[in-house]
Amino acid sequence: MAQTDKTKQPKLLTEKQLLAMPEDDYMNDAQLAFFRNRLQELEAEILANAGATTENLRETQFAPDPADRATIEEEHALELRTRDRERKLLKKVQQSLGLIDSGDYGWCEETGEAIGIPRLLARPTANLSLEAQERREKRQKLYGD
């Protein structure tokens, strides 16, 4: 029975253990479990923030003073812009979880090269290697979007 418990809840690696692993182990089951967990936590946090925003907007009271009303509206606009950025991030998080399921997570979608553990730790939704991302940003700078 301990065996089944172990397969259901594998012990997650730490960042230090992850970075210490040899390159031959790139995107093995333990590493994929680490990133799946990190992405799922990020997804849950974004969804919780969205729920809090909805509640906050519902609970807003009418302010008769125009200055107070303007302040409240500005705070709401800022919160909605933040949630919009999080909505875009949520889409990337869900795409990354799909890449884990398909076995393509951690590999550059442009070159097929490994993205690298340090880059994925910094940006778990990265889908381009650092070099490919830099090339894309240079092209965007030169030719626009």
C-alpha atoms as a PDB file:
ATOM      1  CA  MET A   1       0.000   0.000   0.000  1.00  0.00           C
ATOM      2  CA  ALA A   2       2.903   2.365   0.644  1.00  0.00           C
ATOM      3  CA  GLN A   3       3.892   1.819  -2.995  1.00  0.00           C
ATOM      4  CA  THR A   4       0.576   3.169  -4.298  1.00  0.00           C
ATOM      5  CA  ASP A   5       0.753   6.172  -1.984  1.00  0.00           C
ATOM      6  CA  LYS A   6       4.227   6.837  -3.302  1.00  0.00           C
ATOM      7  CA  THR A   7       3.119   6.743  -6.937  1.00  0.00           C
ATOM      8  CA  LYS A   8       0.165   9.016  -6.230  1.00  0.00           C
ATOM      9  CA  GLN A   9       2.178  11.638  -4.343  1.00  0.00           C
ATOM     10  CA  PRO A  10       5.799  11.623  -5.508  1.00  0.00           C
ATOM     11  CA  LYS A  11       8.107  13.822  -3.491  1.00  0.00           C
ATOM     12  CA  LEU A  12       8.774  16.961  -5.462  1.00  0.00           C
ATOM     13  CA  LEU A  13      12.308  18.093  -6.112  1.00  0.00           C
ATOM     14  CA  THR A  14      13.609  21.363  -4.738  1.00  0.00           C
ATOM     15  CA  GLU A  15      15.001  24.028  -7.065  1.00  0.00           C
ATOM     16  CA  LYS A  16      18.496  23.190  -5.836  1.00  0.00           C
ATOM     17  CA  GLN A  17      18.029  19.483  -6.628  1.00  0.00           C
ATOM     18  CA  LEU A  18      16.571  20.395  -9.996  1.00  0.00           C
ATOM     19  CA  LEU A  19      19.559  22.563 -10.914  1.00  0.00           C
ATOM     20  CA  ALA A  20      22.014  19.896  -9.716  1.00  0.00           C
ATOM     21  CA  MET A  21      20.634  17.207 -12.036  1.00  0.00           C
ATOM     22  CA  PRO A  22      22.762  16.186 -15.038  1.00  0.00           C
ATOM     23  CA  GLU A  23      21.754  17.378 -18.510  1.00  0.00           C
ATOM     24  CA  ASP A  24      20.983  13.773 -19.489  1.00  0.00           C
ATOM     25  CA  ASP A  25      18.033  13.878 -17.066  1.00  0.00           C
ATOM     26  CA  TYR A  26      16.477  16.912 -18.780  1.00  0.00           C
ATOM     27  CA  MET A  27      12.679  16.795 -18.558  1.00  0.00           C
ATOM     28  CA  ASN A  28      12.517  13.469 -16.792  1.00  0.00           C
ATOM     29  CA  ASP A  29       9.416  12.509 -14.783  1.00  0.00           C
ATOM     30  CA  ALA A  30      10.630  14.203 -11.581  1.00  0.00           C
ATOM     31  CA  GLN A  31      11.370  17.471 -13.375  1.00  0.00           C
ATOM     32  CA  LEU A  32       8.034  17.388 -15.191  1.00  0.00           C
ATOM     33  CA  ALA A  33       6.261  16.767 -11.862  1.00  0.00           C
ATOM     34  CA  PHE A  34       8.058  19.783 -10.367  1.00  0.00           C
ATOM     35  CA  PHE A  35       6.990  22.089 -13.186  1.00  0.00           C
ATOM     36  CA  ARG A  36       3.463  20.659 -13.340  1.00  0.00           C
ATOM     37  CA  ASN A  37       3.102  21.442  -9.625  1.00  0.00           C
ATOM     38  CA  ARG A  38       4.544  24.953 -10.051  1.00  0.00           C
ATOM     39  CA  LEU A  39       2.208  25.694 -12.977  1.00  0.00           C
ATOM     40  CA  GLN A  40      -0.827  24.299 -11.145  1.00  0.00           C
ATOM     41  CA  GLU A  41      -0.049  26.501  -8.128  1.00  0.00           C
ATOM     42  CA  LEU A  42       0.251  29.528 -10.420  1.00  0.00           C
ATOM     43  CA  GLU A  43      -3.039  28.630 -12.096  1.00  0.00           C
ATOM     44  CA  ALA A  44      -4.796  28.327  -8.728  1.00  0.00           C
ATOM     45  CA  GLU A  45      -3.367  31.680  -7.580  1.00  0.00           C
ATOM     46  CA  ILE A  46      -4.550  33.449 -10.740  1.00  0.00           C
ATOM     47  CA  LEU A  47      -8.034  31.950 -10.438  1.00  0.00           C
ATOM     48  CA  ALA A  48      -8.225  32.959  -6.757  1.00  0.00           C
ATOM     49  CA  ASN A  49      -7.211  36.518  -7.661  1.00  0.00           C
ATOM     50  CA  ALA A  50      -9.925  36.635 -10.314  1.00  0.00           C
ATOM     51  CA  GLY A  51     -12.506  35.535  -7.747  1.00  0.00           C
ATOM     52  CA  ALA A  52     -11.308  38.175  -5.295  1.00  0.00           C
ATOM     53  CA  THR A  53     -11.572  40.858  -7.965  1.00  0.00           C
ATOM     54  CA  THR A  54     -15.129  39.848  -8.771  1.00  0.00           C
ATOM     55  CA  GLU A  55     -16.078  40.031  -5.093  1.00  0.00           C
ATOM     56  CA  ASN A  56     -14.303  43.368  -4.684  1.00  0.00           C
ATOM     57  CA  LEU A  57     -16.156  44.886  -7.642  1.00  0.00           C
ATOM     58  CA  ARG A  58     -19.501  43.610  -6.323  1.00  0.00           C
ATOM     59  CA  GLU A  59     -18.954  45.051  -2.851  1.00  0.00           C
ATOM     60  CA  THR A  60     -18.104  48.552  -4.075  1.00  0.00           C
ATOM     61  CA  GLN A  61     -20.334  51.178  -2.563  1.00  0.00           C
ATOM     62  CA  PHE A  62     -21.497  54.311  -4.308  1.00  0.00           C
ATOM     63  CA  ALA A  63     -19.476  57.381  -3.331  1.00  0.00           C
ATOM     64  CA  PRO A  64     -21.328  60.700  -3.614  1.00  0.00           C
ATOM     65  CA  ASP A  65     -18.106  62.733  -3.660  1.00  0.00           C
ATOM     66  CA  PRO A  66     -16.730  62.984  -7.248  1.00  0.00           C
ATOM     67  CA  ALA A  67     -13.118  62.769  -6.046  1.00  0.00           C
ATOM     68  CA  ASP A  68     -13.832  59.590  -4.074  1.00  0.00           C
ATOM     69  CA  ARG A  69     -15.735  58.130  -7.010  1.00  0.00           C
ATOM     70  CA  ALA A  70     -12.825  58.913  -9.367  1.00  0.00           C
ATOM     71  CA  THR A  71     -10.372  57.253  -6.988  1.00  0.00           C
ATOM     72  CA  ILE A  72     -12.543  54.135  -6.748  1.00  0.00           C
ATOM     73  CA  GLU A  73     -12.926  53.989 -10.537  1.00  0.00           C
ATOM     74  CA  GLU A  74      -9.170  54.351 -11.031  1.00  0.00           C
ATOM     75  CA  GLU A  75      -8.496  51.555  -8.528  1.00  0.00           C
ATOM     76  CA  HIS A  76     -11.001  49.346 -10.351  1.00  0.00           C
ATOM     77  CA  ALA A  77      -9.416  50.129 -13.718  1.00  0.00           C
ATOM     78  CA  LEU A  78      -5.973  49.228 -12.359  1.00  0.00           C
ATOM     79  CA  GLU A  79      -7.300  46.004 -10.860  1.00  0.00           C
ATOM     80  CA  LEU A  80      -9.008  45.070 -14.128  1.00  0.00           C
ATOM     81  CA  ARG A  81      -5.801  45.722 -16.124  1.00  0.00           C
ATOM     82  CA  THR A  82      -3.920  43.498 -13.697  1.00  0.00           C
ATOM     83  CA  ARG A  83      -6.533  40.753 -14.096  1.00  0.00           C
ATOM     84  CA  ASP A  84      -6.325  41.094 -17.879  1.00  0.00           C
ATOM     85  CA  ARG A  85      -2.564  40.452 -17.709  1.00  0.00           C
ATOM     86  CA  GLU A  86      -3.242  37.504 -15.412  1.00  0.00           C
ATOM     87  CA  ARG A  87      -5.865  36.192 -17.850  1.00  0.00           C
ATOM     88  CA  LYS A  88      -3.206  36.161 -20.582  1.00  0.00           C
ATOM     89  CA  LEU A  89      -0.776  34.467 -18.194  1.00  0.00           C
ATOM     90  CA  LEU A  90      -3.447  31.893 -17.286  1.00  0.00           C
ATOM     91  CA  LYS A  91      -3.743  30.986 -20.965  1.00  0.00           C
ATOM     92  CA  LYS A  92       0.041  30.477 -21.138  1.00  0.00           C
ATOM     93  CA  VAL A  93      -0.007  28.418 -17.930  1.00  0.00           C
ATOM     94  CA  GLN A  94      -2.721  26.168 -19.334  1.00  0.00           C
ATOM     95  CA  GLN A  95      -0.817  25.816 -22.619  1.00  0.00           C
ATOM     96  CA  SER A  96       2.309  24.853 -20.660  1.00  0.00           C
ATOM     97  CA  LEU A  97       0.353  22.212 -18.735  1.00  0.00           C
ATOM     98  CA  GLY A  98      -0.829  20.870 -22.101  1.00  0.00           C
ATOM     99  CA  LEU A  99       2.796  20.738 -23.285  1.00  0.00           C
ATOM    100  CA  ILE A 100       3.692  18.688 -20.209  1.00  0.00           C
ATOM    101  CA  ASP A 101       0.894  16.259 -21.066  1.00  0.00           C
ATOM    102  CA  SER A 102       2.044  15.989 -24.687  1.00  0.00           C
ATOM    103  CA  GLY A 103       5.726  15.602 -23.755  1.00  0.00           C
ATOM    104  CA  ASP A 104       6.822  18.843 -25.447  1.00  0.00           C
ATOM    105  CA  TYR A 105       7.373  20.962 -22.325  1.00  0.00           C
ATOM    106  CA  GLY A 106      10.868  22.350 -21.887  1.00  0.00           C
ATOM    107  CA  TRP A 107      11.720  22.302 -25.581  1.00  0.00           C
ATOM    108  CA  CYS A 108      11.917  25.415 -27.778  1.00  0.00           C
ATOM    109  CA  GLU A 109       8.986  25.536 -30.169  1.00  0.00           C
ATOM    110  CA  GLU A 110      11.145  27.313 -32.763  1.00  0.00           C
ATOM    111  CA  THR A 111      14.409  25.356 -32.676  1.00  0.00           C
ATOM    112  CA  GLY A 112      13.564  22.157 -30.796  1.00  0.00           C
ATOM    113  CA  GLU A 113      16.468  22.784 -28.397  1.00  0.00           C
ATOM    114  CA  ALA A 114      16.204  22.515 -24.620  1.00  0.00           C
ATOM    115  CA  ILE A 115      14.967  25.737 -23.032  1.00  0.00           C
ATOM    116  CA  GLY A 116      16.939  24.983 -19.867  1.00  0.00           C
ATOM    117  CA  ILE A 117      16.044  24.537 -16.221  1.00  0.00           C
ATOM    118  CA  PRO A 118      17.226  28.005 -15.054  1.00  0.00           C
ATOM    119  CA  ARG A 119      15.029  29.744 -17.667  1.00  0.00           C
ATOM    120  CA  LEU A 120      12.029  27.553 -16.818  1.00  0.00           C
ATOM    121  CA  LEU A 121      12.491  28.287 -13.115  1.00  0.00           C
ATOM    122  CA  ALA A 122      12.442  32.011 -13.885  1.00  0.00           C
ATOM    123  CA  ARG A 123       9.565  31.734 -16.380  1.00  0.00           C
ATOM    124  CA  PRO A 124       7.737  28.385 -16.209  1.00  0.00           C
ATOM    125  CA  THR A 125       5.607  29.354 -19.223  1.00  0.00           C
ATOM    126  CA  ALA A 126       8.628  29.919 -21.513  1.00  0.00           C
ATOM    127  CA  ASN A 127       8.208  28.183 -24.843  1.00  0.00           C
ATOM    128  CA  LEU A 128      11.320  29.571 -26.541  1.00  0.00           C
ATOM    129  CA  SER A 129      14.981  29.171 -25.684  1.00  0.00           C
ATOM    130  CA  LEU A 130      16.725  32.349 -24.586  1.00  0.00           C
ATOM    131  CA  GLU A 131      18.434  32.726 -27.968  1.00  0.00           C
ATOM    132  CA  ALA A 132      15.171  32.222 -29.903  1.00  0.00           C
ATOM    133  CA  GLN A 133      13.391  34.717 -27.626  1.00  0.00           C
ATOM    134  CA  GLU A 134      16.142  37.292 -28.188  1.00  0.00           C
ATOM    135  CA  ARG A 135      15.894  36.796 -31.980  1.00  0.00           C
ATOM    136  CA  ARG A 136      12.111  37.211 -31.830  1.00  0.00           C
ATOM    137  CA  GLU A 137      12.411  40.414 -29.784  1.00  0.00           C
ATOM    138  CA  LYS A 138      15.004  41.840 -32.208  1.00  0.00           C
ATOM    139  CA  ARG A 139      12.707  41.067 -35.172  1.00  0.00           C
ATOM    140  CA  GLN A 140       9.796  42.710 -33.383  1.00  0.00           C
ATOM    141  CA  LYS A 141      11.908  45.762 -32.636  1.00  0.00           C
ATOM    142  CA  LEU A 142      13.058  46.038 -36.253  1.00  0.00           C
ATOM    143  CA  TYR A 143       9.834  45.188 -38.042  1.00  0.00           C
ATOM    144  CA  GLY A 144       7.176  45.848 -35.414  1.00  0.00           C
ATOM    145  CA  ASP A 145       4.536  43.343 -34.408  1.00  0.00           C
END
